[in-house]
Amino acid sequence: MSADTEIVLDEKVDLEIKQPKRYKVVFLNDDTTPMEFVINVLMNIFKHTEDTAKDITMQIHEEGSGVVGVYTYEIAEQKAVETTTLARNHGFQLQIRVEEE
Protein backbone atom coordinates (compact mmCIF):
# COMPACT_ATOMS: atom_id res chain seq x y z
CA MET A 1 0.00 0.00 0.00
CA SER A 2 1.38 3.36 -0.90
CA ALA A 3 1.17 6.47 1.24
CA ASP A 4 -1.16 8.01 -1.36
CA THR A 5 -3.90 5.42 -0.81
CA GLU A 6 -6.83 6.76 1.14
CA ILE A 7 -9.06 4.34 3.00
CA VAL A 8 -12.67 5.36 3.36
CA LEU A 9 -15.03 3.42 5.53
CA ASP A 10 -18.69 3.83 4.75
CA GLU A 11 -20.05 1.86 7.64
CA LYS A 12 -22.50 2.87 10.28
CA VAL A 13 -23.05 1.12 13.56
CA ASP A 14 -26.50 1.46 15.04
CA LEU A 15 -26.63 1.16 18.78
CA GLU A 16 -29.92 0.47 20.39
CA ILE A 17 -29.77 1.26 24.07
CA LYS A 18 -32.69 0.07 26.10
CA GLN A 19 -33.50 1.28 29.56
CA PRO A 20 -33.75 -1.56 32.08
CA LYS A 21 -37.26 -2.66 32.98
CA ARG A 22 -38.68 -1.16 36.15
CA TYR A 23 -40.32 -3.13 38.95
CA LYS A 24 -42.81 -2.03 41.60
CA VAL A 25 -42.40 -3.09 45.22
CA VAL A 26 -45.92 -3.58 46.59
CA PHE A 27 -46.86 -4.01 50.26
CA LEU A 28 -50.03 -5.96 51.04
CA ASN A 29 -52.24 -5.13 54.00
CA ASP A 30 -52.51 -7.57 56.90
CA ASP A 31 -54.02 -7.47 60.36
CA THR A 32 -50.86 -8.12 62.36
CA THR A 33 -48.14 -5.77 61.11
CA PRO A 34 -48.33 -2.47 63.04
CA MET A 35 -48.56 0.74 61.04
CA GLU A 36 -45.61 2.16 62.99
CA PHE A 37 -43.43 -0.70 61.71
CA VAL A 38 -44.51 -0.09 58.10
CA ILE A 39 -43.86 3.65 58.42
CA ASN A 40 -40.42 2.93 59.88
CA VAL A 41 -39.57 0.55 57.02
CA LEU A 42 -40.76 3.06 54.42
CA MET A 43 -38.57 5.75 55.93
CA ASN A 44 -35.44 3.66 56.56
CA ILE A 45 -35.33 1.16 53.70
CA PHE A 46 -37.31 2.98 51.01
CA LYS A 47 -36.13 6.49 52.01
CA HIS A 48 -39.58 8.14 52.12
CA THR A 49 -40.25 11.21 54.23
CA GLU A 50 -42.39 10.71 57.32
CA ASP A 51 -45.42 12.34 55.64
CA THR A 52 -45.11 10.25 52.49
CA ALA A 53 -44.59 7.08 54.55
CA LYS A 54 -47.78 7.80 56.53
CA ASP A 55 -49.74 8.46 53.31
CA ILE A 56 -48.54 5.20 51.71
CA THR A 57 -49.30 3.27 54.90
CA MET A 58 -52.86 4.63 54.95
CA GLN A 59 -53.29 3.67 51.28
CA ILE A 60 -52.12 0.13 52.05
CA HIS A 61 -54.51 -0.04 55.02
CA GLU A 62 -57.53 1.35 53.14
CA GLU A 63 -57.02 -0.18 49.68
CA GLY A 64 -55.36 -3.47 50.60
CA SER A 65 -52.04 -2.75 48.90
CA GLY A 66 -49.75 0.07 47.87
CA VAL A 67 -46.69 0.68 45.72
CA VAL A 68 -43.82 1.70 47.96
CA GLY A 69 -41.17 2.16 45.27
CA VAL A 70 -40.18 1.50 41.66
CA TYR A 71 -36.67 0.25 40.88
CA THR A 72 -34.61 -1.96 38.60
CA TYR A 73 -35.22 -5.63 39.31
CA GLU A 74 -32.12 -6.20 41.44
CA ILE A 75 -32.80 -3.22 43.70
CA ALA A 76 -36.52 -4.03 44.02
CA GLU A 77 -35.73 -7.63 44.95
CA GLN A 78 -33.04 -6.59 47.45
CA LYS A 79 -35.37 -4.13 49.20
CA ALA A 80 -38.18 -6.71 49.28
CA VAL A 81 -35.91 -9.37 50.81
CA GLU A 82 -34.46 -6.89 53.33
CA THR A 83 -37.95 -5.81 54.38
CA THR A 84 -39.30 -9.37 54.59
CA THR A 85 -36.34 -10.45 56.72
CA LEU A 86 -36.81 -7.50 59.07
CA ALA A 87 -40.55 -8.17 59.36
CA ARG A 88 -40.04 -11.88 60.13
CA ASN A 89 -37.36 -11.05 62.71
CA HIS A 90 -39.95 -8.88 64.47
CA GLY A 91 -42.66 -11.56 64.16
CA PHE A 92 -44.77 -9.76 61.52
CA GLN A 93 -46.45 -11.31 58.48
CA LEU A 94 -45.95 -8.37 56.10
CA GLN A 95 -46.32 -9.64 52.52
CA ILE A 96 -44.44 -8.00 49.67
CA ARG A 97 -44.69 -8.47 45.91
CA VAL A 98 -42.31 -7.36 43.17
CA GLU A 99 -44.18 -6.69 39.91
CA GLU A 100 -43.03 -5.51 36.51
CA GLU A 101 -44.19 -1.96 35.84
PDB file of N, CA and C in Angstrom:
ATOM      1  N   MET A   1       0.845  -1.170   0.000  1.00  0.00           N
ATOM      2  CA  MET A   1       0.000   0.000   0.000  1.00  0.00           C
ATOM      3  C   MET A   1       0.890   1.232   0.000  1.00  0.00           C
ATOM      4  N   SER A   2       0.576   2.145  -0.850  1.00  0.00           N
ATOM      5  CA  SER A   2       1.384   3.359  -0.896  1.00  0.00           C
ATOM      6  C   SER A   2       0.822   4.398   0.065  1.00  0.00           C
ATOM      7  N   ALA A   3       1.583   5.396   0.343  1.00  0.00           N
ATOM      8  CA  ALA A   3       1.175   6.465   1.242  1.00  0.00           C
ATOM      9  C   ALA A   3       0.073   7.317   0.644  1.00  0.00           C
ATOM     10  N   ASP A   4      -0.142   7.216  -0.673  1.00  0.00           N
ATOM     11  CA  ASP A   4      -1.161   8.006  -1.357  1.00  0.00           C
ATOM     12  C   ASP A   4      -2.537   7.361  -1.301  1.00  0.00           C
ATOM     13  N   THR A   5      -2.621   6.134  -0.844  1.00  0.00           N
ATOM     14  CA  THR A   5      -3.897   5.420  -0.814  1.00  0.00           C
ATOM     15  C   THR A   5      -4.713   5.896   0.377  1.00  0.00           C
ATOM     16  N   GLU A   6      -5.935   6.285   0.078  1.00  0.00           N
ATOM     17  CA  GLU A   6      -6.835   6.756   1.140  1.00  0.00           C
ATOM     18  C   GLU A   6      -7.879   5.676   1.401  1.00  0.00           C
ATOM     19  N   ILE A   7      -8.065   5.347   2.632  1.00  0.00           N
ATOM     20  CA  ILE A   7      -9.057   4.336   2.999  1.00  0.00           C
ATOM     21  C   ILE A   7     -10.282   5.056   3.531  1.00  0.00           C
ATOM     22  N   VAL A   8     -11.418   4.750   2.947  1.00  0.00           N
ATOM     23  CA  VAL A   8     -12.673   5.362   3.358  1.00  0.00           C
ATOM     24  C   VAL A   8     -13.605   4.251   3.823  1.00  0.00           C
ATOM     25  N   LEU A   9     -14.079   4.390   5.007  1.00  0.00           N
ATOM     26  CA  LEU A   9     -15.031   3.419   5.534  1.00  0.00           C
ATOM     27  C   LEU A   9     -16.414   4.036   5.492  1.00  0.00           C
ATOM     28  N   ASP A  10     -17.311   3.357   4.844  1.00  0.00           N
ATOM     29  CA  ASP A  10     -18.690   3.835   4.754  1.00  0.00           C
ATOM     30  C   ASP A  10     -19.557   2.842   5.512  1.00  0.00           C
ATOM     31  N   GLU A  11     -19.378   2.852   6.796  1.00  0.00           N
ATOM     32  CA  GLU A  11     -20.049   1.862   7.637  1.00  0.00           C
ATOM     33  C   GLU A  11     -20.630   2.574   8.843  1.00  0.00           C
ATOM     34  N   LYS A  12     -21.864   2.281   9.116  1.00  0.00           N
ATOM     35  CA  LYS A  12     -22.505   2.869  10.283  1.00  0.00           C
ATOM     36  C   LYS A  12     -22.844   1.761  11.260  1.00  0.00           C
ATOM     37  N   VAL A  13     -22.692   2.068  12.509  1.00  0.00           N
ATOM     38  CA  VAL A  13     -23.050   1.125  13.563  1.00  0.00           C
ATOM     39  C   VAL A  13     -24.229   1.717  14.314  1.00  0.00           C
ATOM     40  N   ASP A  14     -25.321   1.004  14.300  1.00  0.00           N
ATOM     41  CA  ASP A  14     -26.504   1.458  15.036  1.00  0.00           C
ATOM     42  C   ASP A  14     -26.505   0.815  16.415  1.00  0.00           C
ATOM     43  N   LEU A  15     -26.538   1.648  17.406  1.00  0.00           N
ATOM     44  CA  LEU A  15     -26.625   1.159  18.777  1.00  0.00           C
ATOM     45  C   LEU A  15     -28.038   1.384  19.279  1.00  0.00           C
ATOM     46  N   GLU A  16     -28.602   0.339  19.787  1.00  0.00           N
ATOM     47  CA  GLU A  16     -29.924   0.466  20.387  1.00  0.00           C
ATOM     48  C   GLU A  16     -29.753   0.257  21.888  1.00  0.00           C
ATOM     49  N   ILE A  17     -29.931   1.324  22.618  1.00  0.00           N
ATOM     50  CA  ILE A  17     -29.766   1.261  24.068  1.00  0.00           C
ATOM     51  C   ILE A  17     -31.150   1.245  24.690  1.00  0.00           C
ATOM     52  N   LYS A  18     -31.396   0.199  25.441  1.00  0.00           N
ATOM     53  CA  LYS A  18     -32.692   0.068  26.101  1.00  0.00           C
ATOM     54  C   LYS A  18     -32.529   0.348  27.588  1.00  0.00           C
ATOM     55  N   GLN A  19     -33.469   1.065  28.120  1.00  0.00           N
ATOM     56  CA  GLN A  19     -33.498   1.280  29.559  1.00  0.00           C
ATOM     57  C   GLN A  19     -33.906  -0.030  30.235  1.00  0.00           C
ATOM     58  N   PRO A  20     -33.347  -0.331  31.396  1.00  0.00           N
ATOM     59  CA  PRO A  20     -33.754  -1.562  32.080  1.00  0.00           C
ATOM     60  C   PRO A  20     -35.218  -1.470  32.507  1.00  0.00           C
ATOM     61  N   LYS A  21     -35.865  -2.623  32.532  1.00  0.00           N
ATOM     62  CA  LYS A  21     -37.262  -2.658  32.976  1.00  0.00           C
ATOM     63  C   LYS A  21     -37.331  -2.209  34.429  1.00  0.00           C
ATOM     64  N   ARG A  22     -38.461  -1.653  34.788  1.00  0.00           N
ATOM     65  CA  ARG A  22     -38.678  -1.162  36.149  1.00  0.00           C
ATOM     66  C   ARG A  22     -39.671  -2.099  36.844  1.00  0.00           C
ATOM     67  N   TYR A  23     -39.477  -2.238  38.154  1.00  0.00           N
ATOM     68  CA  TYR A  23     -40.316  -3.134  38.949  1.00  0.00           C
ATOM     69  C   TYR A  23     -40.855  -2.403  40.165  1.00  0.00           C
ATOM     70  N   LYS A  24     -42.139  -2.645  40.448  1.00  0.00           N
ATOM     71  CA  LYS A  24     -42.807  -2.034  41.603  1.00  0.00           C
ATOM     72  C   LYS A  24     -42.653  -2.954  42.802  1.00  0.00           C
ATOM     73  N   VAL A  25     -42.368  -2.367  43.945  1.00  0.00           N
ATOM     74  CA  VAL A  25     -42.399  -3.088  45.215  1.00  0.00           C
ATOM     75  C   VAL A  25     -43.747  -2.736  45.841  1.00  0.00           C
ATOM     76  N   VAL A  26     -44.553  -3.773  46.097  1.00  0.00           N
ATOM     77  CA  VAL A  26     -45.918  -3.583  46.585  1.00  0.00           C
ATOM     78  C   VAL A  26     -46.058  -4.241  47.956  1.00  0.00           C
ATOM     79  N   PHE A  27     -46.543  -3.473  48.934  1.00  0.00           N
ATOM     80  CA  PHE A  27     -46.860  -4.007  50.258  1.00  0.00           C
ATOM     81  C   PHE A  27     -48.338  -4.380  50.274  1.00  0.00           C
ATOM     82  N   LEU A  28     -48.645  -5.515  50.892  1.00  0.00           N
ATOM     83  CA  LEU A  28     -50.026  -5.962  51.045  1.00  0.00           C
ATOM     84  C   LEU A  28     -50.463  -5.764  52.489  1.00  0.00           C
ATOM     85  N   ASN A  29     -51.713  -5.365  52.659  1.00  0.00           N
ATOM     86  CA  ASN A  29     -52.241  -5.128  53.999  1.00  0.00           C
ATOM     87  C   ASN A  29     -52.427  -6.454  54.738  1.00  0.00           C
ATOM     88  N   ASP A  30     -52.182  -6.439  56.029  1.00  0.00           N
ATOM     89  CA  ASP A  30     -52.508  -7.575  56.896  1.00  0.00           C
ATOM     90  C   ASP A  30     -52.948  -7.028  58.250  1.00  0.00           C
ATOM     91  N   ASP A  31     -53.464  -7.903  59.080  1.00  0.00           N
ATOM     92  CA  ASP A  31     -54.023  -7.466  60.361  1.00  0.00           C
ATOM     93  C   ASP A  31     -53.022  -7.523  61.513  1.00  0.00           C
ATOM     94  N   THR A  32     -51.794  -7.948  61.250  1.00  0.00           N
ATOM     95  CA  THR A  32     -50.858  -8.121  62.361  1.00  0.00           C
ATOM     96  C   THR A  32     -49.670  -7.161  62.339  1.00  0.00           C
ATOM     97  N   THR A  33     -49.298  -6.650  61.191  1.00  0.00           N
ATOM     98  CA  THR A  33     -48.137  -5.766  61.112  1.00  0.00           C
ATOM     99  C   THR A  33     -48.552  -4.358  61.526  1.00  0.00           C
ATOM    100  N   PRO A  34     -47.941  -3.809  62.575  1.00  0.00           N
ATOM    101  CA  PRO A  34     -48.326  -2.469  63.038  1.00  0.00           C
ATOM    102  C   PRO A  34     -47.973  -1.379  62.016  1.00  0.00           C
ATOM    103  N   MET A  35     -48.801  -0.371  61.951  1.00  0.00           N
ATOM    104  CA  MET A  35     -48.565   0.743  61.037  1.00  0.00           C
ATOM    105  C   MET A  35     -47.237   1.430  61.339  1.00  0.00           C
ATOM    106  N   GLU A  36     -46.869   1.514  62.616  1.00  0.00           N
ATOM    107  CA  GLU A  36     -45.612   2.156  62.990  1.00  0.00           C
ATOM    108  C   GLU A  36     -44.419   1.428  62.369  1.00  0.00           C
ATOM    109  N   PHE A  37     -44.502   0.086  62.321  1.00  0.00           N
ATOM    110  CA  PHE A  37     -43.434  -0.705  61.710  1.00  0.00           C
ATOM    111  C   PHE A  37     -43.338  -0.397  60.216  1.00  0.00           C
ATOM    112  N   VAL A  38     -44.488  -0.359  59.537  1.00  0.00           N
ATOM    113  CA  VAL A  38     -44.514  -0.088  58.099  1.00  0.00           C
ATOM    114  C   VAL A  38     -43.953   1.306  57.817  1.00  0.00           C
ATOM    115  N   ILE A  39     -44.366   2.281  58.593  1.00  0.00           N
ATOM    116  CA  ILE A  39     -43.858   3.651  58.420  1.00  0.00           C
ATOM    117  C   ILE A  39     -42.342   3.679  58.606  1.00  0.00           C
ATOM    118  N   ASN A  40     -41.855   2.993  59.619  1.00  0.00           N
ATOM    119  CA  ASN A  40     -40.415   2.930  59.882  1.00  0.00           C
ATOM    120  C   ASN A  40     -39.664   2.302  58.707  1.00  0.00           C
ATOM    121  N   VAL A  41     -40.202   1.219  58.171  1.00  0.00           N
ATOM    122  CA  VAL A  41     -39.571   0.552  57.022  1.00  0.00           C
ATOM    123  C   VAL A  41     -39.562   1.483  55.808  1.00  0.00           C
ATOM    124  N   LEU A  42     -40.676   2.157  55.573  1.00  0.00           N
ATOM    125  CA  LEU A  42     -40.757   3.061  54.424  1.00  0.00           C
ATOM    126  C   LEU A  42     -39.753   4.206  54.536  1.00  0.00           C
ATOM    127  N   MET A  43     -39.516   4.656  55.739  1.00  0.00           N
ATOM    128  CA  MET A  43     -38.568   5.752  55.935  1.00  0.00           C
ATOM    129  C   MET A  43     -37.112   5.265  55.860  1.00  0.00           C
ATOM    130  N   ASN A  44     -36.822   4.113  56.450  1.00  0.00           N
ATOM    131  CA  ASN A  44     -35.440   3.659  56.564  1.00  0.00           C
ATOM    132  C   ASN A  44     -34.941   2.839  55.376  1.00  0.00           C
ATOM    133  N   ILE A  45     -35.769   1.996  54.819  1.00  0.00           N
ATOM    134  CA  ILE A  45     -35.332   1.157  53.699  1.00  0.00           C
ATOM    135  C   ILE A  45     -35.673   1.805  52.364  1.00  0.00           C
ATOM    136  N   PHE A  46     -36.857   2.410  52.277  1.00  0.00           N
ATOM    137  CA  PHE A  46     -37.309   2.976  51.008  1.00  0.00           C
ATOM    138  C   PHE A  46     -37.085   4.488  50.914  1.00  0.00           C
ATOM    139  N   LYS A  47     -36.551   5.084  51.988  1.00  0.00           N
ATOM    140  CA  LYS A  47     -36.133   6.494  52.012  1.00  0.00           C
ATOM    141  C   LYS A  47     -37.254   7.500  51.735  1.00  0.00           C
ATOM    142  N   HIS A  48     -38.468   7.192  52.215  1.00  0.00           N
ATOM    143  CA  HIS A  48     -39.577   8.141  52.115  1.00  0.00           C
ATOM    144  C   HIS A  48     -39.518   9.109  53.296  1.00  0.00           C
ATOM    145  N   THR A  49     -40.109  10.281  53.110  1.00  0.00           N
ATOM    146  CA  THR A  49     -40.248  11.211  54.231  1.00  0.00           C
ATOM    147  C   THR A  49     -41.318  10.651  55.164  1.00  0.00           C
ATOM    148  N   GLU A  50     -41.390  11.189  56.356  1.00  0.00           N
ATOM    149  CA  GLU A  50     -42.389  10.712  57.317  1.00  0.00           C
ATOM    150  C   GLU A  50     -43.808  10.914  56.780  1.00  0.00           C
ATOM    151  N   ASP A  51     -44.080  12.071  56.177  1.00  0.00           N
ATOM    152  CA  ASP A  51     -45.422  12.339  55.645  1.00  0.00           C
ATOM    153  C   ASP A  51     -45.783  11.389  54.512  1.00  0.00           C
ATOM    154  N   THR A  52     -44.851  11.167  53.599  1.00  0.00           N
ATOM    155  CA  THR A  52     -45.105  10.248  52.492  1.00  0.00           C
ATOM    156  C   THR A  52     -45.292   8.821  53.015  1.00  0.00           C
ATOM    157  N   ALA A  53     -44.483   8.425  53.974  1.00  0.00           N
ATOM    158  CA  ALA A  53     -44.586   7.084  54.554  1.00  0.00           C
ATOM    159  C   ALA A  53     -45.959   6.883  55.202  1.00  0.00           C
ATOM    160  N   LYS A  54     -46.448   7.896  55.904  1.00  0.00           N
ATOM    161  CA  LYS A  54     -47.779   7.800  56.526  1.00  0.00           C
ATOM    162  C   LYS A  54     -48.864   7.711  55.459  1.00  0.00           C
ATOM    163  N   ASP A  55     -48.752   8.502  54.387  1.00  0.00           N
ATOM    164  CA  ASP A  55     -49.744   8.461  53.305  1.00  0.00           C
ATOM    165  C   ASP A  55     -49.775   7.087  52.633  1.00  0.00           C
ATOM    166  N   ILE A  56     -48.605   6.523  52.347  1.00  0.00           N
ATOM    167  CA  ILE A  56     -48.544   5.204  51.706  1.00  0.00           C
ATOM    168  C   ILE A  56     -49.110   4.140  52.637  1.00  0.00           C
ATOM    169  N   THR A  57     -48.794   4.235  53.924  1.00  0.00           N
ATOM    170  CA  THR A  57     -49.303   3.274  54.905  1.00  0.00           C
ATOM    171  C   THR A  57     -50.825   3.319  54.971  1.00  0.00           C
ATOM    172  N   MET A  58     -51.392   4.507  54.934  1.00  0.00           N
ATOM    173  CA  MET A  58     -52.856   4.625  54.946  1.00  0.00           C
ATOM    174  C   MET A  58     -53.460   4.051  53.667  1.00  0.00           C
ATOM    175  N   GLN A  59     -52.808   4.250  52.536  1.00  0.00           N
ATOM    176  CA  GLN A  59     -53.287   3.674  51.282  1.00  0.00           C
ATOM    177  C   GLN A  59     -53.278   2.145  51.371  1.00  0.00           C
ATOM    178  N   ILE A  60     -52.213   1.579  51.895  1.00  0.00           N
ATOM    179  CA  ILE A  60     -52.124   0.127  52.053  1.00  0.00           C
ATOM    180  C   ILE A  60     -53.248  -0.359  52.951  1.00  0.00           C
ATOM    181  N   HIS A  61     -53.476   0.343  54.051  1.00  0.00           N
ATOM    182  CA  HIS A  61     -54.514  -0.037  55.016  1.00  0.00           C
ATOM    183  C   HIS A  61     -55.911   0.053  54.411  1.00  0.00           C
ATOM    184  N   GLU A  62     -56.179   1.116  53.671  1.00  0.00           N
ATOM    185  CA  GLU A  62     -57.528   1.345  53.140  1.00  0.00           C
ATOM    186  C   GLU A  62     -57.807   0.590  51.845  1.00  0.00           C
ATOM    187  N   GLU A  63     -56.793   0.437  50.986  1.00  0.00           N
ATOM    188  CA  GLU A  63     -57.017  -0.176  49.681  1.00  0.00           C
ATOM    189  C   GLU A  63     -56.536  -1.620  49.588  1.00  0.00           C
ATOM    190  N   GLY A  64     -55.819  -2.081  50.595  1.00  0.00           N
ATOM    191  CA  GLY A  64     -55.362  -3.470  50.603  1.00  0.00           C
ATOM    192  C   GLY A  64     -53.945  -3.669  50.089  1.00  0.00           C
ATOM    193  N   SER A  65     -53.425  -2.677  49.372  1.00  0.00           N
ATOM    194  CA  SER A  65     -52.036  -2.752  48.902  1.00  0.00           C
ATOM    195  C   SER A  65     -51.594  -1.362  48.466  1.00  0.00           C
ATOM    196  N   GLY A  66     -50.284  -1.218  48.311  1.00  0.00           N
ATOM    197  CA  GLY A  66     -49.751   0.066  47.868  1.00  0.00           C
ATOM    198  C   GLY A  66     -48.339  -0.082  47.336  1.00  0.00           C
ATOM    199  N   VAL A  67     -48.035   0.668  46.292  1.00  0.00           N
ATOM    200  CA  VAL A  67     -46.693   0.676  45.720  1.00  0.00           C
ATOM    201  C   VAL A  67     -45.807   1.547  46.614  1.00  0.00           C
ATOM    202  N   VAL A  68     -44.709   0.970  47.068  1.00  0.00           N
ATOM    203  CA  VAL A  68     -43.819   1.704  47.962  1.00  0.00           C
ATOM    204  C   VAL A  68     -42.556   2.183  47.257  1.00  0.00           C
ATOM    205  N   GLY A  69     -42.326   1.712  46.037  1.00  0.00           N
ATOM    206  CA  GLY A  69     -41.172   2.160  45.267  1.00  0.00           C
ATOM    207  C   GLY A  69     -41.105   1.458  43.932  1.00  0.00           C
ATOM    208  N   VAL A  70     -40.388   2.075  42.994  1.00  0.00           N
ATOM    209  CA  VAL A  70     -40.182   1.500  41.660  1.00  0.00           C
ATOM    210  C   VAL A  70     -38.685   1.551  41.371  1.00  0.00           C
ATOM    211  N   TYR A  71     -38.123   0.389  41.020  1.00  0.00           N
ATOM    212  CA  TYR A  71     -36.672   0.253  40.876  1.00  0.00           C
ATOM    213  C   TYR A  71     -36.337  -0.723  39.755  1.00  0.00           C
ATOM    214  N   THR A  72     -35.050  -0.855  39.460  1.00  0.00           N
ATOM    215  CA  THR A  72     -34.613  -1.956  38.601  1.00  0.00           C
ATOM    216  C   THR A  72     -34.863  -3.251  39.378  1.00  0.00           C
ATOM    217  N   TYR A  73     -34.857  -4.372  38.671  1.00  0.00           N
ATOM    218  CA  TYR A  73     -35.223  -5.635  39.312  1.00  0.00           C
ATOM    219  C   TYR A  73     -34.340  -5.949  40.523  1.00  0.00           C
ATOM    220  N   GLU A  74     -33.040  -5.816  40.360  1.00  0.00           N
ATOM    221  CA  GLU A  74     -32.120  -6.199  41.435  1.00  0.00           C
ATOM    222  C   GLU A  74     -32.354  -5.378  42.695  1.00  0.00           C
ATOM    223  N   ILE A  75     -32.573  -4.083  42.537  1.00  0.00           N
ATOM    224  CA  ILE A  75     -32.797  -3.225  43.699  1.00  0.00           C
ATOM    225  C   ILE A  75     -34.153  -3.521  44.322  1.00  0.00           C
ATOM    226  N   ALA A  76     -35.185  -3.703  43.495  1.00  0.00           N
ATOM    227  CA  ALA A  76     -36.519  -4.029  44.016  1.00  0.00           C
ATOM    228  C   ALA A  76     -36.479  -5.330  44.809  1.00  0.00           C
ATOM    229  N   GLU A  77     -35.827  -6.335  44.270  1.00  0.00           N
ATOM    230  CA  GLU A  77     -35.730  -7.632  44.950  1.00  0.00           C
ATOM    231  C   GLU A  77     -34.949  -7.509  46.259  1.00  0.00           C
ATOM    232  N   GLN A  78     -33.858  -6.756  46.239  1.00  0.00           N
ATOM    233  CA  GLN A  78     -33.044  -6.586  47.446  1.00  0.00           C
ATOM    234  C   GLN A  78     -33.838  -5.899  48.547  1.00  0.00           C
ATOM    235  N   LYS A  79     -34.577  -4.846  48.204  1.00  0.00           N
ATOM    236  CA  LYS A  79     -35.374  -4.126  49.201  1.00  0.00           C
ATOM    237  C   LYS A  79     -36.510  -5.002  49.724  1.00  0.00           C
ATOM    238  N   ALA A  80     -37.105  -5.807  48.854  1.00  0.00           N
ATOM    239  CA  ALA A  80     -38.176  -6.709  49.275  1.00  0.00           C
ATOM    240  C   ALA A  80     -37.653  -7.769  50.243  1.00  0.00           C
ATOM    241  N   VAL A  81     -36.505  -8.340  49.934  1.00  0.00           N
ATOM    242  CA  VAL A  81     -35.914  -9.366  50.812  1.00  0.00           C
ATOM    243  C   VAL A  81     -35.499  -8.744  52.147  1.00  0.00           C
ATOM    244  N   GLU A  82     -34.882  -7.576  52.099  1.00  0.00           N
ATOM    245  CA  GLU A  82     -34.456  -6.893  53.333  1.00  0.00           C
ATOM    246  C   GLU A  82     -35.665  -6.605  54.229  1.00  0.00           C
ATOM    247  N   THR A  83     -36.745  -6.133  53.619  1.00  0.00           N
ATOM    248  CA  THR A  83     -37.953  -5.809  54.382  1.00  0.00           C
ATOM    249  C   THR A  83     -38.604  -7.064  54.946  1.00  0.00           C
ATOM    250  N   THR A  84     -38.695  -8.113  54.136  1.00  0.00           N
ATOM    251  CA  THR A  84     -39.300  -9.374  54.590  1.00  0.00           C
ATOM    252  C   THR A  84     -38.506  -9.952  55.754  1.00  0.00           C
ATOM    253  N   THR A  85     -37.194  -9.933  55.649  1.00  0.00           N
ATOM    254  CA  THR A  85     -36.342 -10.452  56.724  1.00  0.00           C
ATOM    255  C   THR A  85     -36.555  -9.660  58.011  1.00  0.00           C
ATOM    256  N   LEU A  86     -36.583  -8.342  57.902  1.00  0.00           N
ATOM    257  CA  LEU A  86     -36.807  -7.496  59.069  1.00  0.00           C
ATOM    258  C   LEU A  86     -38.171  -7.772  59.698  1.00  0.00           C
ATOM    259  N   ALA A  87     -39.197  -7.897  58.857  1.00  0.00           N
ATOM    260  CA  ALA A  87     -40.548  -8.165  59.357  1.00  0.00           C
ATOM    261  C   ALA A  87     -40.602  -9.512  60.091  1.00  0.00           C
ATOM    262  N   ARG A  88     -40.009 -10.547  59.492  1.00  0.00           N
ATOM    263  CA  ARG A  88     -40.039 -11.875  60.130  1.00  0.00           C
ATOM    264  C   ARG A  88     -39.261 -11.863  61.441  1.00  0.00           C
ATOM    265  N   ASN A  89     -38.155 -11.140  61.479  1.00  0.00           N
ATOM    266  CA  ASN A  89     -37.359 -11.054  62.710  1.00  0.00           C
ATOM    267  C   ASN A  89     -38.128 -10.374  63.836  1.00  0.00           C
ATOM    268  N   HIS A  90     -39.114  -9.540  63.473  1.00  0.00           N
ATOM    269  CA  HIS A  90     -39.952  -8.884  64.470  1.00  0.00           C
ATOM    270  C   HIS A  90     -41.281  -9.625  64.672  1.00  0.00           C
ATOM    271  N   GLY A  91     -41.456 -10.748  63.985  1.00  0.00           N
ATOM    272  CA  GLY A  91     -42.661 -11.557  64.161  1.00  0.00           C
ATOM    273  C   GLY A  91     -43.871 -11.064  63.375  1.00  0.00           C
ATOM    274  N   PHE A  92     -43.657 -10.297  62.322  1.00  0.00           N
ATOM    275  CA  PHE A  92     -44.766  -9.759  61.521  1.00  0.00           C
ATOM    276  C   PHE A  92     -44.904 -10.521  60.205  1.00  0.00           C
ATOM    277  N   GLN A  93     -46.133 -10.546  59.688  1.00  0.00           N
ATOM    278  CA  GLN A  93     -46.450 -11.306  58.482  1.00  0.00           C
ATOM    279  C   GLN A  93     -46.481 -10.450  57.218  1.00  0.00           C
ATOM    280  N   LEU A  94     -45.904  -9.279  57.235  1.00  0.00           N
ATOM    281  CA  LEU A  94     -45.950  -8.368  56.100  1.00  0.00           C
ATOM    282  C   LEU A  94     -45.618  -9.103  54.800  1.00  0.00           C
ATOM    283  N   GLN A  95     -46.517  -9.007  53.825  1.00  0.00           N
ATOM    284  CA  GLN A  95     -46.322  -9.638  52.522  1.00  0.00           C
ATOM    285  C   GLN A  95     -45.927  -8.572  51.502  1.00  0.00           C
ATOM    286  N   ILE A  96     -44.970  -8.929  50.653  1.00  0.00           N
ATOM    287  CA  ILE A  96     -44.441  -7.998  49.672  1.00  0.00           C
ATOM    288  C   ILE A  96     -44.387  -8.690  48.314  1.00  0.00           C
ATOM    289  N   ARG A  97     -44.786  -7.957  47.276  1.00  0.00           N
ATOM    290  CA  ARG A  97     -44.688  -8.469  45.906  1.00  0.00           C
ATOM    291  C   ARG A  97     -43.777  -7.542  45.120  1.00  0.00           C
ATOM    292  N   VAL A  98     -43.084  -8.127  44.141  1.00  0.00           N
ATOM    293  CA  VAL A  98     -42.307  -7.362  43.168  1.00  0.00           C
ATOM    294  C   VAL A  98     -42.958  -7.628  41.818  1.00  0.00           C
ATOM    295  N   GLU A  99     -43.442  -6.558  41.160  1.00  0.00           N
ATOM    296  CA  GLU A  99     -44.184  -6.689  39.910  1.00  0.00           C
ATOM    297  C   GLU A  99     -43.549  -5.824  38.836  1.00  0.00           C
ATOM    298  N   GLU A 100     -43.530  -6.322  37.621  1.00  0.00           N
ATOM    299  CA  GLU A 100     -43.032  -5.511  36.508  1.00  0.00           C
ATOM    300  C   GLU A 100     -43.967  -4.338  36.280  1.00  0.00           C
ATOM    301  N   GLU A 101     -43.383  -3.183  36.029  1.00  0.00           N
ATOM    302  CA  GLU A 101     -44.186  -1.965  35.843  1.00  0.00           C
ATOM    303  C   GLU A 101     -44.862  -1.988  34.482  1.00  0.00           C
TER     304      GLU A 101
END
